[in-house]
Amino acid sequence: MTAPSYDLRRRPTEIDLFRFSAVTWNAHRIHYDQPHAQAEGLPGVVVQAHLHGAYFGQAVLAWAGPGARLRELTWRNTAPVVAGESLVIRLNLLGIRESDGVRLARVELRELDSRGTCCVTGTAEVQLPEGAHP
């Protein structure tokens, strides 16, 4: 971990959404059936709420480095995202504290689409690996 902020980029495809629906047993057709999603008034197949959470988890662990442990993760979806959209998951360090001999970092997360719309917000706490420094 070398900086108080970090960006992770993702661009979920229709195949990604289909696969994520399969492994999470999410049978809602708005995530893999384009005509059905459009019939529901959506512009295309939409990214699953939990896939946004997975992206947040990836960002936190990539930022913190090998040996880090995700202790807490919360997120709130604020705008729909469709397959093919370019996303940036932005992480900002809020603070570091020590508890029971381990260093814990608190971070803020935001997911932005290509237009700069904030689609997801959240926070996380990660146990930093021994010897890590911001």
N, C-alpha and C. Protein backbone atom coordinates (compact mmCIF):
# COMPACT_ATOMS: atom_id res chain seq x y z
N MET A 1 0.86 -1.16 0.00
CA MET A 1 0.00 0.00 0.00
C MET A 1 0.90 1.22 0.00
N THR A 2 0.74 2.09 -0.99
CA THR A 2 1.66 3.21 -1.11
C THR A 2 0.99 4.57 -1.12
N ALA A 3 -0.30 4.63 -1.19
CA ALA A 3 -0.97 5.94 -1.31
C ALA A 3 -2.29 5.94 -0.55
N PRO A 4 -2.77 7.13 -0.16
CA PRO A 4 -4.04 7.21 0.55
C PRO A 4 -5.26 7.02 -0.34
N SER A 5 -5.04 6.90 -1.66
CA SER A 5 -6.16 6.65 -2.57
C SER A 5 -5.75 5.59 -3.59
N TYR A 6 -6.76 5.03 -4.26
CA TYR A 6 -6.51 3.95 -5.22
C TYR A 6 -7.71 3.87 -6.15
N ASP A 7 -7.48 3.61 -7.43
CA ASP A 7 -8.55 3.40 -8.40
C ASP A 7 -8.44 2.01 -9.01
N LEU A 8 -9.57 1.31 -9.09
CA LEU A 8 -9.67 0.02 -9.75
C LEU A 8 -10.65 0.19 -10.91
N ARG A 9 -10.31 -0.29 -12.08
CA ARG A 9 -11.19 -0.14 -13.24
C ARG A 9 -11.77 -1.49 -13.62
N ARG A 10 -13.05 -1.47 -13.93
CA ARG A 10 -13.77 -2.66 -14.37
C ARG A 10 -14.73 -2.29 -15.50
N ARG A 11 -14.99 -3.27 -16.37
CA ARG A 11 -15.98 -3.10 -17.45
C ARG A 11 -16.72 -4.43 -17.59
N PRO A 12 -17.78 -4.61 -16.80
CA PRO A 12 -18.50 -5.90 -16.82
C PRO A 12 -19.19 -6.13 -18.17
N THR A 13 -19.04 -7.33 -18.70
CA THR A 13 -19.67 -7.70 -19.96
C THR A 13 -20.96 -8.48 -19.69
N GLU A 14 -21.73 -8.71 -20.74
CA GLU A 14 -22.94 -9.52 -20.58
C GLU A 14 -22.56 -10.94 -20.13
N ILE A 15 -21.45 -11.46 -20.62
CA ILE A 15 -20.99 -12.79 -20.20
C ILE A 15 -20.65 -12.79 -18.71
N ASP A 16 -19.96 -11.73 -18.24
CA ASP A 16 -19.65 -11.62 -16.81
C ASP A 16 -20.93 -11.67 -15.98
N LEU A 17 -21.95 -10.92 -16.40
CA LEU A 17 -23.20 -10.87 -15.65
C LEU A 17 -23.91 -12.22 -15.66
N PHE A 18 -23.91 -12.89 -16.82
CA PHE A 18 -24.51 -14.21 -16.90
C PHE A 18 -23.81 -15.18 -15.95
N ARG A 19 -22.48 -15.17 -15.97
CA ARG A 19 -21.72 -16.08 -15.11
C ARG A 19 -21.93 -15.77 -13.63
N PHE A 20 -21.94 -14.48 -13.29
CA PHE A 20 -22.14 -14.11 -11.89
C PHE A 20 -23.53 -14.52 -11.43
N SER A 21 -24.53 -14.38 -12.31
CA SER A 21 -25.88 -14.85 -11.97
C SER A 21 -25.88 -16.35 -11.73
N ALA A 22 -25.15 -17.08 -12.54
CA ALA A 22 -25.12 -18.53 -12.41
C ALA A 22 -24.48 -18.96 -11.09
N VAL A 23 -23.32 -18.39 -10.75
CA VAL A 23 -22.62 -18.84 -9.54
C VAL A 23 -23.28 -18.35 -8.26
N THR A 24 -24.13 -17.32 -8.36
CA THR A 24 -24.83 -16.82 -7.17
C THR A 24 -26.29 -17.25 -7.14
N TRP A 25 -26.69 -18.05 -8.07
CA TRP A 25 -28.05 -18.55 -8.17
C TRP A 25 -29.06 -17.40 -8.29
N ASN A 26 -28.68 -16.35 -8.98
CA ASN A 26 -29.57 -15.21 -9.18
C ASN A 26 -30.28 -15.39 -10.52
N ALA A 27 -31.54 -15.78 -10.46
CA ALA A 27 -32.29 -16.09 -11.68
C ALA A 27 -33.06 -14.89 -12.24
N HIS A 28 -32.87 -13.71 -11.70
CA HIS A 28 -33.60 -12.54 -12.20
C HIS A 28 -33.10 -12.21 -13.60
N ARG A 29 -34.00 -12.24 -14.56
CA ARG A 29 -33.62 -12.12 -15.97
C ARG A 29 -33.06 -10.76 -16.36
N ILE A 30 -33.24 -9.73 -15.54
CA ILE A 30 -32.70 -8.41 -15.89
C ILE A 30 -31.17 -8.42 -15.90
N HIS A 31 -30.55 -9.49 -15.39
CA HIS A 31 -29.10 -9.57 -15.34
C HIS A 31 -28.49 -10.33 -16.51
N TYR A 32 -29.32 -11.01 -17.32
CA TYR A 32 -28.74 -11.78 -18.43
C TYR A 32 -29.59 -11.82 -19.69
N ASP A 33 -30.80 -11.27 -19.65
CA ASP A 33 -31.72 -11.32 -20.80
C ASP A 33 -32.02 -9.90 -21.26
N GLN A 34 -31.34 -9.47 -22.32
CA GLN A 34 -31.46 -8.09 -22.81
C GLN A 34 -32.92 -7.69 -23.13
N PRO A 35 -33.67 -8.46 -23.92
CA PRO A 35 -35.05 -8.07 -24.20
C PRO A 35 -35.91 -7.96 -22.93
N HIS A 36 -35.70 -8.87 -22.00
CA HIS A 36 -36.46 -8.82 -20.74
C HIS A 36 -36.10 -7.57 -19.94
N ALA A 37 -34.82 -7.26 -19.85
CA ALA A 37 -34.39 -6.06 -19.12
C ALA A 37 -35.00 -4.81 -19.75
N GLN A 38 -35.02 -4.75 -21.07
CA GLN A 38 -35.61 -3.59 -21.75
C GLN A 38 -37.11 -3.53 -21.55
N ALA A 39 -37.77 -4.68 -21.51
CA ALA A 39 -39.21 -4.72 -21.23
C ALA A 39 -39.51 -4.21 -19.82
N GLU A 40 -38.54 -4.34 -18.92
CA GLU A 40 -38.69 -3.85 -17.54
C GLU A 40 -38.35 -2.36 -17.44
N GLY A 41 -38.03 -1.74 -18.59
CA GLY A 41 -37.73 -0.31 -18.60
C GLY A 41 -36.27 0.03 -18.39
N LEU A 42 -35.40 -0.97 -18.44
CA LEU A 42 -33.96 -0.75 -18.25
C LEU A 42 -33.28 -0.61 -19.62
N PRO A 43 -32.18 0.12 -19.69
CA PRO A 43 -31.51 0.29 -20.98
C PRO A 43 -30.75 -0.95 -21.45
N GLY A 44 -30.53 -1.90 -20.57
CA GLY A 44 -29.84 -3.14 -20.90
C GLY A 44 -29.76 -4.02 -19.67
N VAL A 45 -29.01 -5.13 -19.79
CA VAL A 45 -28.85 -6.00 -18.63
C VAL A 45 -28.05 -5.25 -17.57
N VAL A 46 -28.48 -5.36 -16.33
CA VAL A 46 -27.88 -4.56 -15.26
C VAL A 46 -26.96 -5.40 -14.37
N VAL A 47 -25.94 -4.73 -13.86
CA VAL A 47 -24.96 -5.35 -12.97
C VAL A 47 -25.63 -5.69 -11.64
N GLN A 48 -25.38 -6.88 -11.14
CA GLN A 48 -25.94 -7.33 -9.88
C GLN A 48 -25.39 -6.51 -8.72
N ALA A 49 -26.24 -6.29 -7.73
CA ALA A 49 -25.82 -5.53 -6.55
C ALA A 49 -24.59 -6.15 -5.91
N HIS A 50 -24.54 -7.47 -5.82
CA HIS A 50 -23.41 -8.13 -5.15
C HIS A 50 -22.14 -8.13 -5.98
N LEU A 51 -22.25 -7.95 -7.30
CA LEU A 51 -21.05 -7.82 -8.10
C LEU A 51 -20.37 -6.47 -7.81
N HIS A 52 -21.17 -5.44 -7.55
CA HIS A 52 -20.59 -4.16 -7.12
C HIS A 52 -19.82 -4.37 -5.81
N GLY A 53 -20.40 -5.12 -4.89
CA GLY A 53 -19.72 -5.40 -3.62
C GLY A 53 -18.43 -6.17 -3.84
N ALA A 54 -18.44 -7.11 -4.79
CA ALA A 54 -17.23 -7.87 -5.10
C ALA A 54 -16.15 -6.94 -5.65
N TYR A 55 -16.53 -6.00 -6.49
CA TYR A 55 -15.56 -5.02 -7.00
C TYR A 55 -14.97 -4.20 -5.86
N PHE A 56 -15.81 -3.80 -4.92
CA PHE A 56 -15.32 -3.04 -3.77
C PHE A 56 -14.31 -3.87 -2.97
N GLY A 57 -14.63 -5.13 -2.73
CA GLY A 57 -13.71 -6.00 -2.01
C GLY A 57 -12.39 -6.16 -2.74
N GLN A 58 -12.44 -6.31 -4.06
CA GLN A 58 -11.22 -6.41 -4.86
C GLN A 58 -10.37 -5.15 -4.72
N ALA A 59 -11.03 -3.99 -4.78
CA ALA A 59 -10.30 -2.71 -4.69
C ALA A 59 -9.59 -2.59 -3.35
N VAL A 60 -10.30 -2.90 -2.27
CA VAL A 60 -9.72 -2.77 -0.93
C VAL A 60 -8.52 -3.70 -0.77
N LEU A 61 -8.66 -4.93 -1.18
CA LEU A 61 -7.57 -5.89 -0.99
C LEU A 61 -6.38 -5.61 -1.91
N ALA A 62 -6.65 -5.14 -3.11
CA ALA A 62 -5.55 -4.76 -4.01
C ALA A 62 -4.78 -3.57 -3.44
N TRP A 63 -5.51 -2.61 -2.89
CA TRP A 63 -4.89 -1.43 -2.29
C TRP A 63 -4.06 -1.79 -1.07
N ALA A 64 -4.59 -2.64 -0.20
CA ALA A 64 -3.92 -2.97 1.06
C ALA A 64 -2.72 -3.90 0.86
N GLY A 65 -2.75 -4.72 -0.16
CA GLY A 65 -1.61 -5.57 -0.47
C GLY A 65 -1.74 -6.99 0.05
N PRO A 66 -0.80 -7.84 -0.37
CA PRO A 66 -0.82 -9.26 0.03
C PRO A 66 -0.82 -9.41 1.55
N GLY A 67 -1.63 -10.32 2.01
CA GLY A 67 -1.72 -10.58 3.45
C GLY A 67 -2.78 -9.76 4.16
N ALA A 68 -3.41 -8.81 3.47
CA ALA A 68 -4.47 -8.00 4.08
C ALA A 68 -5.72 -8.86 4.27
N ARG A 69 -6.52 -8.50 5.28
CA ARG A 69 -7.79 -9.21 5.54
C ARG A 69 -8.92 -8.21 5.58
N LEU A 70 -9.92 -8.44 4.77
CA LEU A 70 -11.11 -7.59 4.76
C LEU A 70 -11.93 -7.93 5.99
N ARG A 71 -12.17 -6.94 6.85
CA ARG A 71 -12.89 -7.17 8.11
C ARG A 71 -14.35 -6.75 8.01
N GLU A 72 -14.63 -5.73 7.22
CA GLU A 72 -15.99 -5.20 7.11
C GLU A 72 -16.15 -4.52 5.75
N LEU A 73 -17.31 -4.71 5.14
CA LEU A 73 -17.60 -4.06 3.87
C LEU A 73 -19.09 -3.77 3.80
N THR A 74 -19.41 -2.52 3.53
CA THR A 74 -20.81 -2.15 3.31
C THR A 74 -20.87 -1.33 2.02
N TRP A 75 -21.98 -1.44 1.32
CA TRP A 75 -22.17 -0.63 0.13
C TRP A 75 -23.65 -0.39 -0.11
N ARG A 76 -23.91 0.66 -0.88
CA ARG A 76 -25.28 1.05 -1.23
C ARG A 76 -25.30 1.40 -2.70
N ASN A 77 -26.13 0.71 -3.47
CA ASN A 77 -26.28 1.01 -4.89
C ASN A 77 -27.16 2.25 -5.04
N THR A 78 -26.70 3.21 -5.83
CA THR A 78 -27.43 4.47 -5.98
C THR A 78 -27.90 4.72 -7.40
N ALA A 79 -27.37 3.99 -8.38
CA ALA A 79 -27.79 4.14 -9.78
C ALA A 79 -27.50 2.83 -10.50
N PRO A 80 -28.36 2.43 -11.44
CA PRO A 80 -28.11 1.18 -12.16
C PRO A 80 -26.93 1.31 -13.11
N VAL A 81 -26.26 0.18 -13.34
CA VAL A 81 -25.14 0.10 -14.27
C VAL A 81 -25.45 -1.03 -15.24
N VAL A 82 -25.27 -0.79 -16.53
CA VAL A 82 -25.52 -1.82 -17.53
C VAL A 82 -24.22 -2.44 -18.02
N ALA A 83 -24.34 -3.64 -18.57
CA ALA A 83 -23.18 -4.33 -19.13
C ALA A 83 -22.49 -3.44 -20.15
N GLY A 84 -21.16 -3.49 -20.15
CA GLY A 84 -20.37 -2.72 -21.10
C GLY A 84 -19.95 -1.36 -20.60
N GLU A 85 -20.51 -0.93 -19.48
CA GLU A 85 -20.17 0.39 -18.93
C GLU A 85 -18.79 0.34 -18.30
N SER A 86 -17.98 1.35 -18.56
CA SER A 86 -16.67 1.48 -17.92
C SER A 86 -16.86 2.06 -16.53
N LEU A 87 -16.28 1.40 -15.55
CA LEU A 87 -16.42 1.80 -14.16
C LEU A 87 -15.06 2.07 -13.54
N VAL A 88 -15.02 3.01 -12.63
CA VAL A 88 -13.84 3.20 -11.80
C VAL A 88 -14.29 3.13 -10.35
N ILE A 89 -13.64 2.25 -9.60
CA ILE A 89 -13.91 2.12 -8.18
C ILE A 89 -12.81 2.92 -7.48
N ARG A 90 -13.21 3.97 -6.80
CA ARG A 90 -12.26 4.90 -6.18
C ARG A 90 -12.27 4.68 -4.68
N LEU A 91 -11.09 4.48 -4.13
CA LEU A 91 -10.91 4.23 -2.70
C LEU A 91 -10.13 5.40 -2.11
N ASN A 92 -10.60 5.90 -0.97
CA ASN A 92 -9.89 6.94 -0.23
C ASN A 92 -9.73 6.51 1.21
N LEU A 93 -8.53 6.66 1.72
CA LEU A 93 -8.23 6.32 3.10
C LEU A 93 -8.87 7.34 4.03
N LEU A 94 -9.65 6.85 4.99
CA LEU A 94 -10.25 7.73 6.00
C LEU A 94 -9.40 7.79 7.26
N GLY A 95 -8.72 6.71 7.59
CA GLY A 95 -7.89 6.70 8.78
C GLY A 95 -7.37 5.31 9.10
N ILE A 96 -6.38 5.27 9.98
CA ILE A 96 -5.79 4.01 10.43
C ILE A 96 -5.78 4.03 11.95
N ARG A 97 -6.16 2.89 12.54
CA ARG A 97 -6.14 2.77 14.00
C ARG A 97 -5.54 1.42 14.35
N GLU A 98 -5.14 1.31 15.61
CA GLU A 98 -4.61 0.04 16.09
C GLU A 98 -5.60 -0.55 17.07
N SER A 99 -5.80 -1.86 16.97
CA SER A 99 -6.71 -2.56 17.85
C SER A 99 -6.16 -3.96 18.10
N ASP A 100 -5.96 -4.31 19.35
CA ASP A 100 -5.45 -5.63 19.73
C ASP A 100 -4.18 -6.00 18.95
N GLY A 101 -3.31 -5.04 18.74
CA GLY A 101 -2.04 -5.31 18.10
C GLY A 101 -2.06 -5.37 16.58
N VAL A 102 -3.20 -5.08 15.97
CA VAL A 102 -3.25 -5.07 14.51
C VAL A 102 -3.65 -3.67 14.03
N ARG A 103 -3.16 -3.32 12.85
CA ARG A 103 -3.51 -2.02 12.27
C ARG A 103 -4.69 -2.20 11.32
N LEU A 104 -5.70 -1.36 11.55
CA LEU A 104 -6.92 -1.41 10.75
C LEU A 104 -7.08 -0.10 9.99
N ALA A 105 -7.30 -0.21 8.70
CA ALA A 105 -7.53 0.97 7.86
C ALA A 105 -9.02 1.06 7.54
N ARG A 106 -9.56 2.25 7.66
CA ARG A 106 -10.95 2.54 7.29
C ARG A 106 -10.90 3.29 5.98
N VAL A 107 -11.65 2.82 4.99
CA VAL A 107 -11.65 3.45 3.68
C VAL A 107 -13.06 3.76 3.21
N GLU A 108 -13.15 4.76 2.36
CA GLU A 108 -14.40 5.14 1.70
C GLU A 108 -14.28 4.67 0.25
N LEU A 109 -15.38 4.16 -0.29
CA LEU A 109 -15.41 3.66 -1.66
C LEU A 109 -16.53 4.34 -2.45
N ARG A 110 -16.22 4.61 -3.72
CA ARG A 110 -17.23 5.13 -4.64
C ARG A 110 -17.00 4.49 -6.00
N GLU A 111 -18.09 4.12 -6.66
CA GLU A 111 -18.00 3.59 -8.01
C GLU A 111 -18.63 4.59 -8.95
N LEU A 112 -17.86 5.00 -9.95
CA LEU A 112 -18.31 6.01 -10.91
C LEU A 112 -18.40 5.39 -12.30
N ASP A 113 -19.43 5.79 -13.06
CA ASP A 113 -19.52 5.33 -14.45
C ASP A 113 -18.76 6.30 -15.36
N SER A 114 -18.81 6.07 -16.66
CA SER A 114 -18.02 6.87 -17.60
C SER A 114 -18.48 8.32 -17.68
N ARG A 115 -19.67 8.63 -17.20
CA ARG A 115 -20.18 10.00 -17.19
C ARG A 115 -19.88 10.69 -15.86
N GLY A 116 -19.27 9.97 -14.93
CA GLY A 116 -18.95 10.53 -13.62
C GLY A 116 -20.07 10.38 -12.61
N THR A 117 -21.14 9.67 -12.98
CA THR A 117 -22.24 9.41 -12.05
C THR A 117 -21.79 8.42 -10.99
N CYS A 118 -22.05 8.76 -9.73
CA CYS A 118 -21.73 7.84 -8.65
C CYS A 118 -22.84 6.79 -8.57
N CYS A 119 -22.47 5.54 -8.84
CA CYS A 119 -23.44 4.44 -8.89
C CYS A 119 -23.50 3.64 -7.60
N VAL A 120 -22.42 3.64 -6.84
CA VAL A 120 -22.35 2.85 -5.61
C VAL A 120 -21.44 3.60 -4.63
N THR A 121 -21.83 3.60 -3.35
CA THR A 121 -20.99 4.18 -2.30
C THR A 121 -20.81 3.12 -1.22
N GLY A 122 -19.76 3.25 -0.44
CA GLY A 122 -19.56 2.30 0.64
C GLY A 122 -18.35 2.63 1.50
N THR A 123 -18.16 1.77 2.49
CA THR A 123 -17.00 1.87 3.37
C THR A 123 -16.49 0.46 3.63
N ALA A 124 -15.24 0.40 4.06
CA ALA A 124 -14.66 -0.90 4.41
C ALA A 124 -13.62 -0.70 5.49
N GLU A 125 -13.39 -1.79 6.22
CA GLU A 125 -12.29 -1.83 7.17
C GLU A 125 -11.44 -3.03 6.79
N VAL A 126 -10.14 -2.80 6.71
CA VAL A 126 -9.22 -3.86 6.31
C VAL A 126 -8.08 -3.94 7.32
N GLN A 127 -7.73 -5.16 7.67
CA GLN A 127 -6.58 -5.39 8.53
C GLN A 127 -5.34 -5.35 7.64
N LEU A 128 -4.45 -4.42 7.94
CA LEU A 128 -3.27 -4.24 7.13
C LEU A 128 -2.25 -5.34 7.41
N PRO A 129 -1.54 -5.79 6.38
CA PRO A 129 -0.51 -6.78 6.61
C PRO A 129 0.62 -6.20 7.44
N GLU A 130 1.31 -7.04 8.17
CA GLU A 130 2.41 -6.60 9.01
C GLU A 130 3.46 -5.90 8.16
N GLY A 131 3.91 -4.74 8.61
CA GLY A 131 4.93 -3.99 7.89
C GLY A 131 4.40 -3.05 6.84
N ALA A 132 3.09 -3.07 6.58
CA ALA A 132 2.51 -2.18 5.57
C ALA A 132 2.45 -0.76 6.11
N HIS A 133 2.57 0.20 5.22
CA HIS A 133 2.42 1.59 5.62
C HIS A 133 1.71 2.34 4.50
N PRO A 134 0.88 3.31 4.85
CA PRO A 134 0.16 4.07 3.82
C PRO A 134 1.07 5.00 3.04
